[in-house]
Amino acid sequence: MEANSPFTFAIVGIIIGFILGMACYRLFSKGERKSTALRQTLLEREHQIAELKKAMGSHITDVRQRLENIRAEADQLEQQLEEDTAQWRLGKIAVTGSITPSITDIDHTLTTPRDYADGKGGTLSEDFGLKESAKEKDASTPQPPRY
């Protein structure tokens, strides 16, 4: 076969045309561009998901550490409260969280003022200043009877 034969030119032309056709199809095809863009978007989303997983892992670790710190601080405050309670001899604080001592504790520890307790009309008695003294009763003029 000769190098200048029409048959050789035809084969070379077909091969070059096929290659050019494939290149043009890939470059100018909508479907190919769309699939390439989708692949790129998919890779970007996978990268974002990996970053979010990494960030969530560190966030969860941080939250867990903070919770442990809060528990340790609560235990420390409870221990301090028990020490203060023992120091002031208040007894055990009820589970309900009430810090006020019971009425029986108050009765045993506190005494009422002497003026009020004896009931002889002291300055803290309930009727102080409300009743007239015997001198004031005699000095006042009697009221006429009402009909």
N, C-alpha and C. Protein backbone atom coordinates (compact mmCIF):
# COMPACT_ATOMS: atom_id res chain seq x y z
N MET A 1 0.82 -1.17 0.00
CA MET A 1 0.00 0.00 0.00
C MET A 1 0.86 1.23 0.00
N GLU A 2 0.39 2.15 -0.70
CA GLU A 2 1.11 3.39 -0.79
C GLU A 2 0.68 4.34 0.31
N ALA A 3 1.59 5.22 0.63
CA ALA A 3 1.29 6.19 1.67
C ALA A 3 0.34 7.24 1.17
N ASN A 4 0.27 7.43 -0.10
CA ASN A 4 -0.60 8.47 -0.66
C ASN A 4 -1.89 7.90 -1.19
N SER A 5 -2.20 6.71 -0.90
CA SER A 5 -3.40 6.09 -1.46
C SER A 5 -4.65 6.66 -0.79
N PRO A 6 -5.75 6.70 -1.50
CA PRO A 6 -6.99 7.23 -0.94
C PRO A 6 -7.51 6.38 0.21
N PHE A 7 -7.21 5.09 0.19
CA PHE A 7 -7.66 4.20 1.25
C PHE A 7 -6.99 4.59 2.57
N THR A 8 -5.72 4.93 2.57
CA THR A 8 -4.98 5.35 3.76
C THR A 8 -5.53 6.67 4.27
N PHE A 9 -5.81 7.58 3.36
CA PHE A 9 -6.39 8.86 3.77
C PHE A 9 -7.76 8.67 4.41
N ALA A 10 -8.51 7.75 3.92
CA ALA A 10 -9.84 7.49 4.44
C ALA A 10 -9.75 6.94 5.88
N ILE A 11 -8.87 5.99 6.10
CA ILE A 11 -8.73 5.39 7.43
C ILE A 11 -8.24 6.44 8.44
N VAL A 12 -7.24 7.20 8.05
CA VAL A 12 -6.71 8.24 8.93
C VAL A 12 -7.79 9.29 9.19
N GLY A 13 -8.57 9.64 8.21
CA GLY A 13 -9.66 10.61 8.36
C GLY A 13 -10.73 10.10 9.30
N ILE A 14 -11.06 8.81 9.17
CA ILE A 14 -12.08 8.23 10.06
C ILE A 14 -11.58 8.23 11.51
N ILE A 15 -10.35 7.85 11.72
CA ILE A 15 -9.79 7.83 13.09
C ILE A 15 -9.75 9.23 13.67
N ILE A 16 -9.27 10.20 12.92
CA ILE A 16 -9.19 11.58 13.40
C ILE A 16 -10.60 12.13 13.64
N GLY A 17 -11.55 11.80 12.78
CA GLY A 17 -12.93 12.24 12.96
C GLY A 17 -13.56 11.63 14.21
N PHE A 18 -13.26 10.36 14.43
CA PHE A 18 -13.79 9.69 15.62
C PHE A 18 -13.25 10.34 16.89
N ILE A 19 -11.95 10.62 16.93
CA ILE A 19 -11.33 11.24 18.09
C ILE A 19 -11.88 12.65 18.30
N LEU A 20 -11.99 13.42 17.22
CA LEU A 20 -12.54 14.77 17.33
C LEU A 20 -14.01 14.73 17.77
N GLY A 21 -14.76 13.77 17.31
CA GLY A 21 -16.16 13.63 17.69
C GLY A 21 -16.31 13.32 19.18
N MET A 22 -15.46 12.42 19.66
CA MET A 22 -15.50 12.10 21.09
C MET A 22 -15.13 13.31 21.94
N ALA A 23 -14.11 14.04 21.52
CA ALA A 23 -13.68 15.22 22.28
C ALA A 23 -14.78 16.27 22.29
N CYS A 24 -15.40 16.51 21.14
CA CYS A 24 -16.48 17.51 21.07
C CYS A 24 -17.68 17.06 21.89
N TYR A 25 -17.99 15.78 21.86
CA TYR A 25 -19.12 15.27 22.64
C TYR A 25 -18.88 15.50 24.12
N ARG A 26 -17.69 15.21 24.59
CA ARG A 26 -17.39 15.38 26.02
C ARG A 26 -17.37 16.86 26.41
N LEU A 27 -16.85 17.69 25.53
CA LEU A 27 -16.75 19.11 25.85
C LEU A 27 -18.09 19.83 25.77
N PHE A 28 -18.86 19.49 24.79
CA PHE A 28 -20.08 20.26 24.54
C PHE A 28 -21.37 19.55 24.95
N SER A 29 -21.27 18.41 25.50
CA SER A 29 -22.46 17.66 25.88
C SER A 29 -23.02 18.19 27.20
N LYS A 30 -24.32 18.46 27.23
CA LYS A 30 -24.98 18.93 28.45
C LYS A 30 -24.96 17.86 29.53
N GLY A 31 -25.25 16.66 29.16
CA GLY A 31 -25.30 15.57 30.12
C GLY A 31 -23.96 15.33 30.79
N GLU A 32 -22.92 15.41 30.01
CA GLU A 32 -21.59 15.19 30.58
C GLU A 32 -21.21 16.33 31.52
N ARG A 33 -21.53 17.56 31.13
CA ARG A 33 -21.25 18.69 32.03
C ARG A 33 -22.06 18.59 33.31
N LYS A 34 -23.31 18.15 33.15
CA LYS A 34 -24.16 18.03 34.32
C LYS A 34 -23.64 16.94 35.26
N SER A 35 -23.24 15.82 34.71
CA SER A 35 -22.73 14.74 35.56
C SER A 35 -21.41 15.14 36.21
N THR A 36 -20.58 15.89 35.51
CA THR A 36 -19.33 16.36 36.09
C THR A 36 -19.62 17.34 37.24
N ALA A 37 -20.58 18.22 37.04
CA ALA A 37 -20.96 19.17 38.09
C ALA A 37 -21.55 18.43 39.29
N LEU A 38 -22.36 17.40 39.05
CA LEU A 38 -22.92 16.62 40.14
C LEU A 38 -21.84 15.88 40.92
N ARG A 39 -20.87 15.34 40.20
CA ARG A 39 -19.76 14.67 40.88
C ARG A 39 -19.00 15.66 41.76
N GLN A 40 -18.77 16.84 41.24
CA GLN A 40 -18.06 17.87 42.01
C GLN A 40 -18.87 18.27 43.24
N THR A 41 -20.17 18.47 43.08
CA THR A 41 -21.04 18.82 44.20
C THR A 41 -21.05 17.70 45.24
N LEU A 42 -21.11 16.46 44.77
CA LEU A 42 -21.10 15.32 45.68
C LEU A 42 -19.81 15.27 46.49
N LEU A 43 -18.69 15.51 45.86
CA LEU A 43 -17.41 15.52 46.57
C LEU A 43 -17.36 16.64 47.60
N GLU A 44 -17.89 17.82 47.24
CA GLU A 44 -17.91 18.94 48.18
C GLU A 44 -18.81 18.64 49.38
N ARG A 45 -19.97 18.03 49.14
CA ARG A 45 -20.88 17.69 50.23
C ARG A 45 -20.27 16.62 51.15
N GLU A 46 -19.61 15.64 50.57
CA GLU A 46 -18.96 14.62 51.39
C GLU A 46 -17.88 15.25 52.26
N HIS A 47 -17.17 16.22 51.71
CA HIS A 47 -16.15 16.92 52.48
C HIS A 47 -16.79 17.71 53.63
N GLN A 48 -17.92 18.39 53.35
CA GLN A 48 -18.62 19.13 54.39
C GLN A 48 -19.14 18.20 55.48
N ILE A 49 -19.66 17.05 55.08
CA ILE A 49 -20.17 16.09 56.07
C ILE A 49 -19.04 15.59 56.95
N ALA A 50 -17.90 15.32 56.36
CA ALA A 50 -16.75 14.87 57.15
C ALA A 50 -16.33 15.95 58.15
N GLU A 51 -16.32 17.22 57.72
CA GLU A 51 -15.99 18.31 58.63
C GLU A 51 -17.01 18.44 59.76
N LEU A 52 -18.31 18.29 59.42
CA LEU A 52 -19.35 18.37 60.45
C LEU A 52 -19.23 17.24 61.46
N LYS A 53 -18.94 16.04 60.99
CA LYS A 53 -18.75 14.92 61.91
C LYS A 53 -17.58 15.18 62.84
N LYS A 54 -16.52 15.72 62.30
CA LYS A 54 -15.34 16.03 63.11
C LYS A 54 -15.69 17.10 64.15
N ALA A 55 -16.42 18.14 63.72
CA ALA A 55 -16.80 19.22 64.63
C ALA A 55 -17.77 18.72 65.70
N MET A 56 -18.71 17.87 65.32
CA MET A 56 -19.66 17.33 66.29
C MET A 56 -18.96 16.45 67.31
N GLY A 57 -17.97 15.70 66.88
CA GLY A 57 -17.21 14.88 67.81
C GLY A 57 -16.52 15.73 68.85
N SER A 58 -15.91 16.82 68.43
CA SER A 58 -15.24 17.70 69.39
C SER A 58 -16.27 18.43 70.26
N HIS A 59 -17.43 18.77 69.69
CA HIS A 59 -18.48 19.44 70.45
C HIS A 59 -19.02 18.51 71.54
N ILE A 60 -19.27 17.28 71.19
CA ILE A 60 -19.79 16.32 72.17
C ILE A 60 -18.77 16.08 73.27
N THR A 61 -17.51 16.00 72.90
CA THR A 61 -16.47 15.84 73.91
C THR A 61 -16.43 17.04 74.84
N ASP A 62 -16.57 18.23 74.29
CA ASP A 62 -16.57 19.46 75.09
C ASP A 62 -17.77 19.48 76.04
N VAL A 63 -18.94 19.10 75.56
CA VAL A 63 -20.14 19.08 76.41
C VAL A 63 -19.97 18.05 77.52
N ARG A 64 -19.44 16.89 77.20
CA ARG A 64 -19.23 15.86 78.21
C ARG A 64 -18.26 16.36 79.28
N GLN A 65 -17.20 17.05 78.88
CA GLN A 65 -16.23 17.59 79.83
C GLN A 65 -16.89 18.63 80.73
N ARG A 66 -17.73 19.49 80.16
CA ARG A 66 -18.42 20.50 80.96
C ARG A 66 -19.37 19.86 81.96
N LEU A 67 -20.08 18.81 81.55
CA LEU A 67 -20.97 18.11 82.47
C LEU A 67 -20.19 17.49 83.63
N GLU A 68 -19.05 16.91 83.34
CA GLU A 68 -18.23 16.35 84.41
C GLU A 68 -17.76 17.43 85.36
N ASN A 69 -17.40 18.59 84.82
CA ASN A 69 -16.99 19.71 85.68
C ASN A 69 -18.15 20.18 86.56
N ILE A 70 -19.36 20.25 85.99
CA ILE A 70 -20.52 20.67 86.76
C ILE A 70 -20.81 19.67 87.87
N ARG A 71 -20.73 18.37 87.56
CA ARG A 71 -20.97 17.36 88.59
C ARG A 71 -19.95 17.45 89.71
N ALA A 72 -18.69 17.64 89.33
CA ALA A 72 -17.64 17.75 90.35
C ALA A 72 -17.88 18.98 91.22
N GLU A 73 -18.28 20.08 90.61
CA GLU A 73 -18.55 21.30 91.36
C GLU A 73 -19.76 21.14 92.27
N ALA A 74 -20.79 20.44 91.79
CA ALA A 74 -21.98 20.19 92.61
C ALA A 74 -21.61 19.31 93.81
N ASP A 75 -20.77 18.29 93.60
CA ASP A 75 -20.32 17.45 94.71
C ASP A 75 -19.53 18.27 95.72
N GLN A 76 -18.69 19.16 95.22
CA GLN A 76 -17.89 20.00 96.10
C GLN A 76 -18.80 20.94 96.91
N LEU A 77 -19.81 21.52 96.27
CA LEU A 77 -20.75 22.41 96.98
C LEU A 77 -21.55 21.63 98.02
N GLU A 78 -21.94 20.41 97.69
CA GLU A 78 -22.69 19.60 98.65
C GLU A 78 -21.83 19.26 99.86
N GLN A 79 -20.57 18.95 99.61
CA GLN A 79 -19.65 18.65 100.72
C GLN A 79 -19.46 19.89 101.59
N GLN A 80 -19.31 21.05 100.97
CA GLN A 80 -19.15 22.30 101.71
C GLN A 80 -20.40 22.59 102.53
N LEU A 81 -21.57 22.32 101.96
CA LEU A 81 -22.83 22.53 102.67
C LEU A 81 -22.92 21.62 103.88
N GLU A 82 -22.52 20.37 103.72
CA GLU A 82 -22.54 19.44 104.86
C GLU A 82 -21.57 19.89 105.96
N GLU A 83 -20.40 20.38 105.56
CA GLU A 83 -19.44 20.87 106.55
C GLU A 83 -19.99 22.07 107.29
N ASP A 84 -20.61 22.99 106.57
CA ASP A 84 -21.19 24.17 107.22
C ASP A 84 -22.35 23.79 108.13
N THR A 85 -23.14 22.82 107.70
CA THR A 85 -24.25 22.35 108.52
C THR A 85 -23.73 21.74 109.81
N ALA A 86 -22.68 20.95 109.69
CA ALA A 86 -22.11 20.34 110.88
C ALA A 86 -21.51 21.41 111.80
N GLN A 87 -20.91 22.42 111.20
CA GLN A 87 -20.30 23.50 111.99
C GLN A 87 -21.37 24.27 112.76
N TRP A 88 -22.48 24.53 112.15
CA TRP A 88 -23.54 25.30 112.80
C TRP A 88 -24.51 24.40 113.55
N ARG A 89 -24.30 23.11 113.51
CA ARG A 89 -25.10 22.11 114.22
C ARG A 89 -26.58 22.22 113.87
N LEU A 90 -26.85 22.30 112.60
CA LEU A 90 -28.24 22.40 112.16
C LEU A 90 -28.85 21.03 111.90
N GLY A 91 -28.07 20.00 111.93
CA GLY A 91 -28.57 18.67 111.64
C GLY A 91 -28.66 18.46 110.15
N LYS A 92 -29.16 17.33 109.77
CA LYS A 92 -29.27 17.01 108.34
C LYS A 92 -30.36 17.85 107.70
N ILE A 93 -30.09 18.35 106.54
CA ILE A 93 -31.07 19.12 105.78
C ILE A 93 -31.97 18.13 105.07
N ALA A 94 -33.25 18.42 105.06
CA ALA A 94 -34.20 17.50 104.44
C ALA A 94 -33.91 17.35 102.96
N VAL A 95 -34.32 16.21 102.41
CA VAL A 95 -34.09 15.93 101.00
C VAL A 95 -34.86 16.89 100.13
N THR A 96 -35.93 17.48 100.67
CA THR A 96 -36.73 18.40 99.88
C THR A 96 -35.97 19.68 99.55
N GLY A 97 -34.85 19.90 100.18
CA GLY A 97 -34.06 21.08 99.88
C GLY A 97 -34.37 22.24 100.80
N SER A 98 -35.23 22.05 101.78
CA SER A 98 -35.58 23.13 102.70
C SER A 98 -34.42 23.36 103.65
N ILE A 99 -33.97 24.58 103.75
CA ILE A 99 -32.84 24.91 104.61
C ILE A 99 -33.32 25.35 105.99
N THR A 100 -34.58 25.75 106.09
CA THR A 100 -35.09 26.22 107.37
C THR A 100 -35.21 25.07 108.35
N PRO A 101 -34.79 25.26 109.60
CA PRO A 101 -34.89 24.18 110.58
C PRO A 101 -36.35 23.97 110.97
N SER A 102 -36.64 22.81 111.51
CA SER A 102 -38.02 22.49 111.87
C SER A 102 -38.45 23.29 113.11
N ILE A 103 -39.75 23.28 113.41
CA ILE A 103 -40.31 24.03 114.53
C ILE A 103 -39.76 23.49 115.85
N THR A 104 -39.60 22.19 115.96
CA THR A 104 -39.09 21.61 117.21
C THR A 104 -37.67 22.08 117.47
N ASP A 105 -36.85 22.22 116.41
CA ASP A 105 -35.50 22.74 116.59
C ASP A 105 -35.54 24.18 117.10
N ILE A 106 -36.47 24.96 116.59
CA ILE A 106 -36.57 26.36 116.99
C ILE A 106 -37.00 26.45 118.45
N ASP A 107 -37.98 25.60 118.87
CA ASP A 107 -38.47 25.64 120.24
C ASP A 107 -37.35 25.31 121.23
N HIS A 108 -36.49 24.40 120.89
CA HIS A 108 -35.43 24.00 121.81
C HIS A 108 -34.28 25.00 121.85
N THR A 109 -34.05 25.67 120.75
CA THR A 109 -32.89 26.56 120.70
C THR A 109 -33.22 27.99 121.07
N LEU A 110 -34.44 28.46 120.80
CA LEU A 110 -34.80 29.85 121.05
C LEU A 110 -35.72 29.96 122.25
N THR A 111 -35.52 30.96 123.06
CA THR A 111 -36.43 31.23 124.17
C THR A 111 -37.18 32.50 123.86
N THR A 112 -38.43 32.56 124.30
CA THR A 112 -39.22 33.75 124.04
C THR A 112 -38.79 34.86 124.99
N PRO A 113 -39.00 36.12 124.61
CA PRO A 113 -38.60 37.22 125.49
C PRO A 113 -39.35 37.16 126.82
N ARG A 114 -38.70 37.54 127.88
CA ARG A 114 -39.26 37.46 129.23
C ARG A 114 -40.48 38.37 129.38
N ASP A 115 -40.46 39.54 128.79
CA ASP A 115 -41.57 40.47 128.87
C ASP A 115 -42.84 39.86 128.30
N TYR A 116 -42.71 39.12 127.25
CA TYR A 116 -43.86 38.55 126.55
C TYR A 116 -44.31 37.26 127.22
N ALA A 117 -43.36 36.53 127.76
CA ALA A 117 -43.67 35.20 128.28
C ALA A 117 -44.43 35.23 129.59
N ASP A 118 -44.19 36.21 130.43
CA ASP A 118 -44.81 36.15 131.76
C ASP A 118 -46.28 36.55 131.75
N GLY A 119 -46.75 37.24 130.71
CA GLY A 119 -48.16 37.58 130.60
C GLY A 119 -48.64 38.63 131.58
N LYS A 120 -47.77 39.47 132.10
CA LYS A 120 -48.16 40.48 133.09
C LYS A 120 -48.26 41.87 132.50
N GLY A 121 -48.56 41.93 131.22
CA GLY A 121 -48.76 43.24 130.61
C GLY A 121 -47.47 43.95 130.27
N GLY A 122 -46.44 43.23 129.94
CA GLY A 122 -45.18 43.86 129.57
C GLY A 122 -45.29 44.57 128.22
N THR A 123 -44.20 45.20 127.82
CA THR A 123 -44.24 45.99 126.59
C THR A 123 -44.46 45.13 125.35
N LEU A 124 -44.17 43.85 125.42
CA LEU A 124 -44.38 42.98 124.26
C LEU A 124 -45.66 42.16 124.37
N SER A 125 -46.50 42.42 125.38
CA SER A 125 -47.74 41.65 125.50
C SER A 125 -48.70 42.08 124.41
N GLU A 126 -49.67 41.22 124.12
CA GLU A 126 -50.58 41.47 123.02
C GLU A 126 -51.55 42.62 123.30
N ASP A 127 -51.84 42.88 124.55
CA ASP A 127 -52.81 43.93 124.87
C ASP A 127 -52.16 45.19 125.45
N PHE A 128 -50.88 45.37 125.24
CA PHE A 128 -50.17 46.54 125.78
C PHE A 128 -50.72 47.81 125.16
N GLY A 129 -51.16 48.71 125.98
CA GLY A 129 -51.66 50.00 125.51
C GLY A 129 -53.11 49.99 125.11
N LEU A 130 -53.76 48.83 125.06
CA LEU A 130 -55.15 48.77 124.64
C LEU A 130 -56.11 48.90 125.82
N LYS A 131 -55.74 48.36 126.98
CA LYS A 131 -56.62 48.43 128.15
C LYS A 131 -56.32 49.70 128.95
N GLU A 132 -57.37 50.25 129.52
CA GLU A 132 -57.18 51.43 130.35
C GLU A 132 -56.71 50.99 131.73
N SER A 133 -55.87 51.77 132.32
CA SER A 133 -55.43 51.44 133.68
C SER A 133 -56.56 51.75 134.67
N ALA A 134 -56.45 51.26 135.89
CA ALA A 134 -57.49 51.46 136.91
C ALA A 134 -57.65 52.94 137.24
N LYS A 135 -56.59 53.70 137.24
CA LYS A 135 -56.65 55.13 137.55
C LYS A 135 -57.45 55.86 136.47
N GLU A 136 -57.25 55.47 135.22
CA GLU A 136 -57.96 56.14 134.14
C GLU A 136 -59.44 55.81 134.19
N LYS A 137 -59.81 54.61 134.65
CA LYS A 137 -61.22 54.23 134.74
C LYS A 137 -61.95 55.06 135.80
N ASP A 138 -61.31 55.28 136.94
CA ASP A 138 -61.94 56.05 138.00
C ASP A 138 -62.05 57.53 137.63
N ALA A 139 -61.10 58.04 136.92
CA ALA A 139 -61.07 59.46 136.58
C ALA A 139 -62.10 59.81 135.51
N SER A 140 -62.48 58.86 134.73
CA SER A 140 -63.41 59.18 133.64
C SER A 140 -64.83 59.28 134.20
N THR A 141 -65.64 60.12 133.60
CA THR A 141 -67.02 60.30 134.04
C THR A 141 -67.88 59.15 133.52
N PRO A 142 -68.80 58.70 134.33
CA PRO A 142 -69.65 57.59 133.87
C PRO A 142 -70.57 58.05 132.74
N GLN A 143 -70.84 57.19 131.83
CA GLN A 143 -71.70 57.48 130.69
C GLN A 143 -73.18 57.32 131.12
N PRO A 144 -74.02 58.18 130.66
CA PRO A 144 -75.44 58.00 130.98
C PRO A 144 -75.99 56.75 130.29
N PRO A 145 -76.98 56.16 130.90
CA PRO A 145 -77.54 54.94 130.27
C PRO A 145 -78.26 55.25 128.97
N ARG A 146 -78.20 54.34 128.10
CA ARG A 146 -78.85 54.53 126.80
C ARG A 146 -80.13 53.69 126.75
N TYR A 147 -81.15 54.27 126.16
CA TYR A 147 -82.45 53.60 126.07
C TYR A 147 -82.74 53.16 124.69
